[in-house]
Protein backbone atom coordinates (compact mmCIF):
# COMPACT_ATOMS: atom_id res chain seq x y z
CA UNK A 1 61.08 7.31 -64.42
CA UNK A 2 61.22 9.29 -67.81
CA UNK A 3 58.22 9.88 -70.07
CA UNK A 4 58.12 8.06 -73.23
CA UNK A 5 54.49 7.48 -74.38
CA UNK A 6 52.74 10.17 -76.60
CA UNK A 7 49.59 11.82 -75.44
CA UNK A 8 46.97 14.12 -77.14
CA UNK A 9 47.48 16.69 -79.81
CA UNK A 10 47.12 19.67 -77.38
CA UNK A 11 49.25 22.17 -79.16
CA UNK A 12 49.92 22.85 -82.87
CA UNK A 13 53.69 22.78 -82.44
CA UNK A 14 56.16 24.35 -85.11
CA UNK A 15 59.57 23.45 -83.70
CA UNK A 16 62.17 25.81 -85.08
CA UNK A 17 64.82 25.54 -82.50
CA UNK A 18 64.86 21.81 -82.53
CA UNK A 19 64.94 21.74 -86.44
CA UNK A 20 67.25 24.58 -87.01
CA UNK A 21 69.81 24.45 -84.32
CA UNK A 22 70.89 20.81 -84.25
CA UNK A 23 73.78 20.43 -81.54
CA UNK A 24 72.58 23.48 -79.50
CA UNK A 25 70.84 21.21 -77.14
CA UNK A 26 70.14 17.62 -75.80
CA UNK A 27 67.09 15.79 -76.65
CA UNK A 28 65.63 14.73 -73.27
CA UNK A 29 62.53 13.46 -71.62
CA UNK A 30 60.68 14.87 -68.70
CA UNK A 31 60.29 12.72 -65.55
CA UNK A 32 56.80 11.40 -64.63
CA UNK A 33 54.84 12.58 -61.61
CA UNK A 34 53.51 10.24 -59.18
CA UNK A 35 50.16 11.96 -58.29
CA UNK A 36 49.68 14.98 -60.57
CA UNK A 37 47.11 17.62 -59.59
CA UNK A 38 46.33 20.66 -61.57
CA UNK A 39 46.85 23.61 -59.19
CA UNK A 40 46.25 26.66 -61.67
CA UNK A 41 45.55 26.90 -65.29
CA UNK A 42 45.81 30.12 -67.20
CA UNK A 43 42.77 29.66 -69.49
CA UNK A 44 43.26 33.24 -71.01
CA UNK A 45 46.83 32.30 -72.01
CA UNK A 46 45.78 28.76 -73.32
CA UNK A 47 43.26 30.51 -75.72
CA UNK A 48 45.94 32.87 -76.92
CA UNK A 49 48.06 29.79 -77.83
CA UNK A 50 45.15 28.43 -79.69
CA UNK A 51 44.92 25.54 -77.21
CA UNK A 52 41.76 24.01 -75.69
CA UNK A 53 41.61 25.07 -72.14
CA UNK A 54 38.97 22.34 -71.27
CA UNK A 55 41.27 19.74 -72.85
CA UNK A 56 44.19 20.99 -70.91
CA UNK A 57 42.19 20.81 -67.62
CA UNK A 58 41.10 17.21 -68.35
CA UNK A 59 42.89 14.20 -67.25
CA UNK A 60 45.23 13.84 -70.38
CA UNK A 61 45.93 17.65 -70.43
CA UNK A 62 47.04 17.26 -66.58
CA UNK A 63 49.16 14.20 -67.39
CA UNK A 64 50.85 16.48 -70.33
CA UNK A 65 51.40 19.33 -67.88
CA UNK A 66 52.89 17.07 -65.25
CA UNK A 67 55.32 15.49 -67.57
CA UNK A 68 53.66 12.00 -67.75
CA UNK A 69 52.60 12.20 -71.38
CA UNK A 70 54.15 13.98 -74.17
CA UNK A 71 51.65 16.03 -76.31
CA UNK A 72 51.89 14.93 -79.85
CA UNK A 73 54.35 16.92 -81.94
CA UNK A 74 56.56 17.75 -78.85
CA UNK A 75 60.36 17.35 -79.24
CA UNK A 76 61.51 17.95 -75.69
CA UNK A 77 64.98 19.15 -75.27
CA UNK A 78 67.40 20.84 -72.83
CA UNK A 79 69.02 23.95 -74.05
CA UNK A 80 72.66 24.63 -73.75
CA UNK A 81 73.83 27.99 -72.38
CA UNK A 82 76.57 29.49 -70.10
CA UNK A 83 76.56 32.53 -67.93
CA UNK A 84 78.16 35.23 -65.91
CA UNK A 85 76.66 34.90 -62.46
CA UNK A 86 77.40 37.79 -60.15
CA UNK A 87 80.18 38.58 -62.33
CA UNK A 88 81.77 35.17 -62.54
CA UNK A 89 81.78 33.03 -65.45
CA UNK A 90 80.18 29.50 -65.66
CA UNK A 91 80.96 28.05 -68.87
CA UNK A 92 78.50 25.26 -68.68
CA UNK A 93 75.01 25.99 -67.40
CA UNK A 94 72.17 24.85 -69.62
CA UNK A 95 68.47 23.61 -68.75
CA UNK A 96 69.30 21.84 -65.52
CA UNK A 97 65.55 21.76 -64.44
CA UNK A 98 63.87 22.86 -67.65
CA UNK A 99 62.78 21.45 -70.92
CA UNK A 100 61.60 23.15 -74.17
CA UNK A 101 58.73 21.04 -75.37
CA UNK A 102 58.40 22.95 -78.64
CA UNK A 103 56.95 26.19 -80.29
CA UNK A 104 53.49 27.25 -81.33
CA UNK A 105 52.18 30.17 -83.41
CA UNK A 106 49.62 32.08 -81.31
CA UNK A 107 46.42 33.86 -82.45
CA UNK A 108 48.63 36.98 -82.96
CA UNK A 109 50.87 35.08 -85.17
CA UNK A 110 53.70 35.32 -82.84
CA UNK A 111 56.10 32.20 -82.14
CA UNK A 112 56.05 31.22 -78.66
CA UNK A 113 58.01 28.54 -76.76
CA UNK A 114 56.29 26.10 -74.41
CA UNK A 115 58.70 24.96 -71.80
CA UNK A 116 58.61 22.93 -68.44
CA UNK A 117 60.35 24.02 -65.40
CA UNK A 118 60.90 21.36 -62.59
CA UNK A 119 60.34 18.38 -64.72
CA UNK A 120 63.34 16.48 -63.53
CA UNK A 121 67.14 16.09 -64.08
CA UNK A 122 68.68 16.68 -67.52
CA UNK A 123 72.40 16.48 -68.87
CA UNK A 124 72.85 20.09 -67.57
CA UNK A 125 71.60 19.41 -63.93
CA UNK A 126 75.12 19.00 -62.38
CA UNK A 127 74.37 18.21 -58.83
CA UNK A 128 70.88 19.61 -58.83
CA UNK A 129 67.62 17.27 -58.66
CA UNK A 130 66.02 19.27 -61.74
CA UNK A 131 62.79 19.69 -59.58
CA UNK A 132 60.77 22.82 -58.68
CA UNK A 133 58.86 23.33 -55.55
CA UNK A 134 55.38 24.50 -55.37
CA UNK A 135 56.05 27.89 -53.67
CA UNK A 136 58.52 29.18 -56.29
CA UNK A 137 56.35 27.80 -59.26
CA UNK A 138 53.31 29.77 -57.92
CA UNK A 139 55.64 32.75 -57.47
CA UNK A 140 56.50 32.81 -60.97
CA UNK A 141 53.00 32.42 -62.08
CA UNK A 142 51.92 35.14 -59.79
CA UNK A 143 54.66 37.67 -60.71
CA UNK A 144 54.58 36.84 -64.29
CA UNK A 145 50.89 37.65 -64.47
CA UNK A 146 51.41 40.87 -62.40
CA UNK A 147 54.01 42.03 -64.86
CA UNK A 148 51.95 41.23 -67.85
CA UNK A 149 49.05 43.20 -66.51
CA UNK A 150 51.37 46.15 -65.91
CA UNK A 151 52.20 45.96 -69.55
CA UNK A 152 55.77 44.75 -69.14
CA UNK A 153 57.46 42.28 -71.45
CA UNK A 154 57.60 38.99 -69.60
CA UNK A 155 57.39 35.20 -69.76
CA UNK A 156 54.15 33.93 -68.25
CA UNK A 157 52.99 30.73 -66.73
CA UNK A 158 50.41 28.59 -68.51
CA UNK A 159 49.97 26.11 -65.62
CA UNK A 160 51.19 24.72 -62.37
CA UNK A 161 50.74 21.19 -61.53
CA UNK A 162 51.58 19.69 -58.10
CA UNK A 163 53.55 16.46 -58.86
CA UNK A 164 52.44 14.59 -55.68
CA UNK A 165 56.37 14.00 -54.94
CA UNK A 166 58.25 15.90 -52.27
CA UNK A 167 61.63 17.86 -53.23
CA UNK A 168 64.29 18.38 -50.75
CA UNK A 169 65.54 21.81 -50.00
CA UNK A 170 66.33 23.31 -46.53
CA UNK A 171 63.25 20.83 -45.74
CA UNK A 172 60.94 18.66 -47.57
CA UNK A 173 58.47 20.51 -49.81
CA UNK A 174 55.74 19.65 -52.22
CA UNK A 175 57.10 19.45 -55.91
CA UNK A 176 55.48 21.11 -58.87
CA UNK A 177 55.89 21.50 -62.69
CA UNK A 178 55.45 24.98 -64.07
CA UNK A 179 54.75 25.28 -67.86
CA UNK A 180 56.35 28.52 -68.97
CA UNK A 181 55.47 30.51 -72.18
CA UNK A 182 58.20 32.69 -73.67
CA UNK A 183 58.95 34.65 -77.10
CA UNK A 184 62.13 32.38 -76.79
CA UNK A 185 64.53 31.18 -74.25
CA UNK A 186 67.55 32.50 -76.07
CA UNK A 187 69.74 34.39 -73.62
CA UNK A 188 72.97 36.18 -73.61
CA UNK A 189 74.46 33.15 -72.04
CA UNK A 190 73.35 31.03 -75.07
CA UNK A 191 75.69 33.10 -77.14
CA UNK A 192 78.35 32.71 -74.47
CA UNK A 193 78.15 28.93 -74.42
CA UNK A 194 78.64 28.73 -78.13
CA UNK A 195 81.38 31.37 -78.30
CA UNK A 196 83.15 29.60 -75.43
CA UNK A 197 82.92 25.94 -76.74
CA UNK A 198 82.42 26.03 -80.46
CA UNK A 199 83.80 29.32 -81.98
CA UNK A 200 82.37 31.86 -84.41
CA UNK A 201 80.55 29.51 -86.87
CA UNK A 202 78.20 28.22 -84.31
CA UNK A 203 77.64 31.76 -83.00
CA UNK A 204 76.61 32.79 -86.43
CA UNK A 205 74.14 29.98 -86.67
CA UNK A 206 72.59 31.03 -83.56
CA UNK A 207 72.78 34.83 -84.59
CA UNK A 208 71.09 33.93 -87.83
CA UNK A 209 68.41 31.96 -86.16
CA UNK A 210 67.87 34.80 -83.78
CA UNK A 211 67.54 37.37 -86.53
CA UNK A 212 65.00 35.24 -88.27
CA UNK A 213 62.95 34.68 -85.35
CA UNK A 214 63.00 38.15 -83.44
CA UNK A 215 64.47 40.77 -86.06
CA UNK A 216 63.83 39.47 -89.47
CA UNK A 217 63.97 43.19 -90.70
CA UNK A 218 67.74 42.77 -90.20
CA UNK A 219 68.16 39.94 -92.78
CA UNK A 220 69.35 42.32 -95.51
CA UNK A 221 71.26 44.66 -93.19
CA UNK A 222 74.82 45.76 -94.21
CA UNK A 223 75.88 44.93 -90.77
CA UNK A 224 73.26 42.37 -89.48
CA UNK A 225 75.13 41.25 -86.42
CA UNK A 226 76.13 44.85 -85.28
CA UNK A 227 72.53 45.80 -85.79
CA UNK A 228 71.42 42.72 -83.93
CA UNK A 229 73.26 43.98 -80.89
CA UNK A 230 71.79 47.38 -81.17
CA UNK A 231 68.23 45.59 -81.41
CA UNK A 232 68.93 43.67 -78.23
CA UNK A 233 70.35 46.81 -76.55
CA UNK A 234 67.19 48.93 -77.52
CA UNK A 235 64.96 46.18 -76.11
CA UNK A 236 66.96 45.96 -72.86
CA UNK A 237 67.01 49.74 -72.44
CA UNK A 238 63.38 49.85 -72.66
CA UNK A 239 62.73 46.90 -70.41
CA UNK A 240 64.87 48.03 -67.54
CA UNK A 241 63.25 51.45 -67.67
CA UNK A 242 59.72 49.86 -67.37
CA UNK A 243 61.12 47.86 -64.51
CA UNK A 244 61.98 51.00 -62.76
CA UNK A 245 58.87 52.58 -63.55
CA UNK A 246 57.03 49.92 -61.08
CA UNK A 247 59.73 49.62 -58.42
CA UNK A 248 60.51 46.06 -59.80
CA UNK A 249 63.85 44.45 -58.61
CA UNK A 250 64.83 41.40 -60.65
CA UNK A 251 67.24 40.21 -58.02
CA UNK A 252 69.65 38.05 -60.24
CA UNK A 253 70.54 39.75 -63.49
CA UNK A 254 72.92 37.04 -64.62
CA UNK A 255 73.71 36.78 -68.30
CA UNK A 256 71.74 33.64 -68.38
CA UNK A 257 68.81 35.36 -67.11
CA UNK A 258 68.69 38.23 -69.84
CA UNK A 259 66.76 37.04 -72.75
CA UNK A 260 67.57 38.23 -76.44
CA UNK A 261 63.91 38.88 -76.85
CA UNK A 262 63.69 41.57 -74.15
CA UNK A 263 61.19 39.64 -71.93
CA UNK A 264 61.72 39.50 -68.21
CA UNK A 265 62.47 35.84 -67.26
CA UNK A 266 63.20 33.97 -63.97
CA UNK A 267 61.03 35.31 -61.10
CA UNK A 268 63.21 33.68 -58.20
CA UNK A 269 64.54 36.34 -56.04
CA UNK A 270 62.61 39.29 -57.43
CA UNK A 271 60.71 41.78 -55.47
CA UNK A 272 58.97 45.27 -55.56
CA UNK A 273 60.36 47.98 -53.78
CA UNK A 274 58.02 49.85 -51.43
CA UNK A 275 59.74 52.82 -49.71
CA UNK A 276 61.77 54.38 -52.30
CA UNK A 277 65.53 53.92 -52.10
CA UNK A 278 67.75 53.11 -55.21
CA UNK A 279 69.96 51.03 -53.03
CA UNK A 280 67.09 48.56 -52.35
CA UNK A 281 68.17 44.91 -52.33
CA UNK A 282 65.97 41.87 -51.37
CA UNK A 283 68.01 38.79 -52.68
CA UNK A 284 69.41 36.78 -49.93
CA UNK A 285 72.59 36.11 -52.08
CA UNK A 286 73.20 39.74 -53.29
CA UNK A 287 75.68 40.60 -50.50
CA UNK A 288 77.02 43.60 -52.17
CA UNK A 289 74.03 45.09 -54.03
CA UNK A 290 75.29 44.41 -57.50
CA UNK A 291 71.63 43.78 -58.74
CA UNK A 292 70.28 46.76 -56.48
CA UNK A 293 67.13 48.73 -58.04
CA UNK A 294 69.35 51.52 -59.01
CA UNK A 295 71.97 49.28 -60.57
CA UNK A 296 69.92 47.58 -62.99
CA UNK A 297 70.44 49.74 -66.08
CA UNK A 298 74.24 49.61 -65.44
CA UNK A 299 74.21 45.65 -65.17
CA UNK A 300 72.07 45.48 -68.39
CA UNK A 301 74.94 47.31 -70.07
CA UNK A 302 77.63 45.07 -68.57
CA UNK A 303 75.71 42.05 -69.78
CA UNK A 304 75.34 43.56 -73.27
CA UNK A 305 78.97 43.81 -73.22
CA UNK A 306 79.33 40.10 -72.85
CA UNK A 307 76.94 39.50 -75.68
CA UNK A 308 78.95 42.02 -77.88
CA UNK A 309 82.15 39.85 -77.14
CA UNK A 310 80.62 36.85 -78.70
CA UNK A 311 79.61 38.65 -81.88
CA UNK A 312 82.91 40.61 -82.50
CA UNK A 313 84.29 38.01 -85.01
CA UNK A 314 80.92 38.35 -87.01
CA UNK A 315 80.83 42.11 -86.88
CA UNK A 316 83.98 42.73 -88.67
CA UNK A 317 87.04 40.71 -89.81
CA UNK A 318 89.28 43.43 -88.43
CA UNK A 319 89.27 42.93 -84.66
CA UNK A 320 90.05 46.51 -83.84
CA UNK A 321 87.17 47.90 -86.18
CA UNK A 322 84.76 45.31 -84.57
CA UNK A 323 85.62 46.49 -81.13
CA UNK A 324 85.16 50.09 -82.07
CA UNK A 325 81.61 49.31 -83.44
CA UNK A 326 80.60 47.18 -80.64
CA UNK A 327 81.92 49.80 -78.09
CA UNK A 328 79.92 52.39 -79.91
CA UNK A 329 76.77 50.59 -79.31
CA UNK A 330 77.49 49.81 -75.66
CA UNK A 331 78.59 53.51 -74.93
CA UNK A 332 75.09 54.61 -76.39
CA UNK A 333 73.27 52.41 -73.96
CA UNK A 334 73.06 55.07 -71.11
CA UNK A 335 71.35 57.46 -73.46
CA UNK A 336 69.02 54.98 -74.81
CA UNK A 337 68.04 53.80 -71.30
CA UNK A 338 67.63 57.54 -70.32
CA UNK A 339 65.39 58.18 -73.16
CA UNK A 340 63.04 55.39 -72.06
CA UNK A 341 63.26 56.29 -68.34
CA UNK A 342 62.08 59.91 -69.14
CA UNK A 343 59.24 58.39 -71.25
CA UNK A 344 58.37 56.30 -68.44
CA UNK A 345 58.57 59.11 -65.91
CA UNK A 346 56.85 61.58 -67.99
CA UNK A 347 53.81 59.02 -68.23
CA UNK A 348 53.98 58.70 -64.42
CA UNK A 349 53.98 62.38 -63.86
CA UNK A 350 51.30 63.21 -66.72
CA UNK A 351 53.77 65.21 -68.71
CA UNK A 352 53.49 65.79 -72.35
CA UNK A 353 56.61 65.88 -74.51
CA UNK A 354 56.63 69.57 -75.29
CA UNK A 355 59.02 70.73 -72.58
CA UNK A 356 62.90 70.80 -72.48
CA UNK A 357 64.01 67.15 -71.39
CA UNK A 358 66.16 68.61 -68.60
CA UNK A 359 63.19 70.21 -66.97
CA UNK A 360 61.17 66.97 -67.15
CA UNK A 361 64.11 64.96 -65.83
CA UNK A 362 64.79 67.27 -62.95
CA UNK A 363 60.98 67.21 -62.00
CA UNK A 364 61.24 63.32 -62.06
CA UNK A 365 64.51 63.12 -59.92
CA UNK A 366 63.25 65.64 -57.45
CA UNK A 367 60.15 63.87 -56.85
CA UNK A 368 62.13 60.64 -56.50
CA UNK A 369 64.35 62.40 -53.88
CA UNK A 370 61.36 63.48 -52.06
CA UNK A 371 60.19 59.89 -51.80
CA UNK A 372 63.58 58.72 -50.76
CA UNK A 373 64.13 61.37 -47.99
CA UNK A 374 60.47 60.83 -46.55
CA UNK A 375 60.58 57.00 -46.98
CA UNK A 376 57.28 57.16 -48.85
CA UNK A 377 56.07 54.15 -50.81
CA UNK A 378 57.16 54.37 -54.39
CA UNK A 379 53.70 53.04 -55.79
CA UNK A 380 51.50 55.00 -53.54
CA UNK A 381 53.35 58.29 -53.94
CA UNK A 382 53.06 58.22 -57.89
CA UNK A 383 49.46 56.95 -57.60
CA UNK A 384 48.53 60.02 -55.32
CA UNK A 385 50.06 62.24 -58.07
CA UNK A 386 47.61 60.76 -60.47
CA UNK A 387 44.82 61.24 -57.93
CA UNK A 388 45.79 64.90 -57.58
CA UNK A 389 45.82 65.42 -61.26
CA UNK A 390 42.28 63.59 -61.35
CA UNK A 391 41.09 66.21 -58.80
CA UNK A 392 41.52 64.05 -55.61
CA UNK A 393 44.11 65.88 -53.43
CA UNK A 394 43.70 64.05 -50.19
CA UNK A 395 45.97 61.20 -50.83
CA UNK A 396 48.81 63.47 -51.88
CA UNK A 397 48.17 65.66 -48.68
CA UNK A 398 48.10 62.40 -46.52
CA UNK A 399 51.55 61.53 -47.63
CA UNK A 400 53.18 64.86 -47.72
CA UNK A 401 51.02 67.27 -45.69
CA UNK A 402 52.33 70.88 -45.90
CA UNK A 403 56.11 70.06 -46.28
CA UNK A 404 57.45 73.12 -47.96
CA UNK A 405 59.76 71.29 -50.17
CA UNK A 406 57.26 69.18 -51.47
CA UNK A 407 54.82 72.18 -51.87
CA UNK A 408 57.50 74.02 -53.91
CA UNK A 409 57.84 70.73 -56.09
CA UNK A 410 54.12 70.56 -56.62
CA UNK A 411 53.97 74.10 -57.91
CA UNK A 412 56.58 73.47 -60.43
CA UNK A 413 54.96 70.19 -61.44
CA UNK A 414 51.61 71.98 -61.75
CA UNK A 415 52.96 74.93 -63.49
CA UNK A 416 54.64 72.43 -66.10
CA UNK A 417 51.40 71.09 -67.08
CA UNK A 418 48.37 73.03 -65.87
CA UNK A 419 45.81 71.37 -68.05
CA UNK A 420 45.58 67.82 -68.91
CA UNK A 421 43.06 66.32 -71.44
CA UNK A 422 40.88 63.27 -70.25
CA UNK A 423 43.02 60.99 -72.55
CA UNK A 424 46.31 62.22 -70.74
CA UNK A 425 44.53 61.59 -67.24
CA UNK A 426 43.88 58.09 -68.51
CA UNK A 427 47.38 57.65 -69.78
CA UNK A 428 48.56 58.87 -66.33
CA UNK A 429 46.47 56.20 -64.65
CA UNK A 430 47.89 53.49 -66.77
CA UNK A 431 51.28 54.52 -65.76
CA UNK A 432 50.65 54.53 -62.05
CA UNK A 433 49.12 51.23 -60.66
CA UNK A 434 47.18 51.03 -57.53
CA UNK A 435 48.24 47.46 -56.87
CA UNK A 436 51.71 45.73 -57.35
CA UNK A 437 52.76 42.43 -55.92
CA UNK A 438 53.41 43.56 -52.43
CA UNK A 439 56.01 41.38 -50.85
CA UNK A 440 54.29 40.45 -47.75
CA UNK A 441 50.96 39.64 -49.59
CA UNK A 442 52.95 37.42 -51.93
CA UNK A 443 54.51 35.47 -49.09
CA UNK A 444 51.23 35.03 -47.34
CA UNK A 445 49.64 33.72 -50.45
CA UNK A 446 52.28 31.30 -51.03
CA UNK A 447 52.47 30.03 -47.27
CA UNK A 448 48.74 29.45 -47.35
CA UNK A 449 48.99 27.57 -50.52
CA UNK A 450 52.03 25.38 -49.52
CA UNK A 451 51.52 24.95 -45.82
CA UNK A 452 47.69 24.85 -45.38
CA UNK A 453 46.80 23.70 -49.14
CA UNK A 454 44.70 26.83 -49.13
CA UNK A 455 44.65 28.59 -52.64
CA UNK A 456 42.18 31.20 -51.77
CA UNK A 457 44.65 33.85 -50.90
CA UNK A 458 46.53 33.08 -53.90
CA UNK A 459 43.55 33.36 -56.21
CA UNK A 460 42.56 36.59 -54.52
CA UNK A 461 45.80 38.26 -54.85
CA UNK A 462 45.96 36.99 -58.37
CA UNK A 463 42.57 38.48 -59.22
CA UNK A 464 43.82 41.85 -57.71
CA UNK A 465 47.12 41.97 -59.71
CA UNK A 466 45.21 41.36 -62.89
CA UNK A 467 43.56 44.46 -62.58
CA UNK A 468 46.20 46.77 -61.43
CA UNK A 469 45.03 50.39 -62.32
CA UNK A 470 41.59 50.51 -60.83
CA UNK A 471 41.35 51.26 -57.18
CA UNK A 472 38.62 49.12 -55.54
CA UNK A 473 37.46 49.68 -51.94
CA UNK A 474 37.28 46.05 -51.23
CA UNK A 475 40.93 45.62 -52.15
CA UNK A 476 42.29 48.44 -50.13
CA UNK A 477 44.57 46.25 -48.09
CA UNK A 478 46.41 45.32 -51.21
CA UNK A 479 47.44 48.79 -51.74
CA UNK A 480 49.09 49.06 -48.33
CA UNK A 481 52.79 48.67 -47.97
CA UNK A 482 54.13 46.31 -45.25
CA UNK A 483 55.24 47.89 -41.94
CA UNK A 484 58.88 49.28 -42.51
CA UNK A 485 60.25 46.73 -39.88
CA UNK A 486 58.81 44.02 -41.98
CA UNK A 487 60.27 45.29 -45.41
CA UNK A 488 63.76 46.01 -43.45
CA UNK A 489 64.07 42.20 -42.73
CA UNK A 490 62.49 40.94 -45.90
CA UNK A 491 64.65 38.62 -48.13
CA UNK A 492 63.99 36.52 -51.43
CA UNK A 493 65.51 33.49 -52.47
CA UNK A 494 66.27 31.48 -55.65
CA UNK A 495 64.65 28.47 -53.88
CA UNK A 496 63.25 26.89 -57.23
């Protein structure tokens, strides 16, 4: 049963995608939920969107968030996009279980999408049911909030509502609708769809929209579409560096999961690395390590090449010149990323920018190699460096003892930055979280919520992750990695 009735004015919609990109989507209605129950509302985010949290938590608000009522001003639509998935091109994907309700301007003056995930079949669902299970919805809420607290650009969840209906996966599971907030849902795959099916004029229409929305400073640029490619490359270079700085592994970096805005999107088979190893993979479907921790920058460059291909006719009428210009942007990506990676690592090591980059890069890579050789937890290893810089040497000694190779490295690190101001120590703390979304803790919280209808572990873990930088005695368990045997067998799944 699809929703047709209109509910309260919960959001002040201003729907540019629907109004400016006719033909880039299919208008569609969410399916109604039989017994909607609010599981989690992000009140802080609601206020950021200038929405009334109390109204959202009330009966009409829950009906809206479950897909049973359309909020006034919503124009729900399923977006069209394609995508390279594990290197193979799928020419027609689209929002198979998602609907864009519309857009709002938040309290900071930024345009934000409000979208459902799990609200039923759409014209792009193919053989899927368009539904979402409760566990993956809670995972997306949890990891999105963890990433936001870490300062990493990300989509976020406004709410999770249990539908009262079952969805069939490997077994029957409780269903849910997640309401996702994003700077936009335009992806590399969006450009691929219109380049494949409709040609340069439609790609130009999309590119002009993206420039107006995300890069208005490029409107008068002599080469606006080349500049757009550069802007997207810049955002992705920084984003991936920041992922690497917290040990985050996306798990499914297909082109339909790379946003033009530079936000992290889709928290299906994602995970956080514990013992440092750049070859770490957790996704059950990534059999060859394509999206391993250490491969993510290379994959971002590969994805950007697919975006560049769609923009070539807009970059220059001379195809050879267009290829040369786009290739120059792509070839510059590793250096762009290396710049941001070193910036992230300098922050984690508590280093200023006064020294030769080669020296600092060597300090960073040597420390990572020490972590790898000794199978030391990535997060705790760097956090112990912060503790040492802050005058507490015990955590570092506990990890490394009197290891001669480490002592040599530590002497070089201390000689590089003998003194740090209070501001530098505080910045180092913000670069080295005490708490990340530990995989075993996430699984425990989700299992309790789904199997025992007990949200207490989820709520406690969420509270810890929302304050990741301050060590708290009562939360010590959340800083501990899982036993190596557990991590060695851990897998994540798309599972939505």
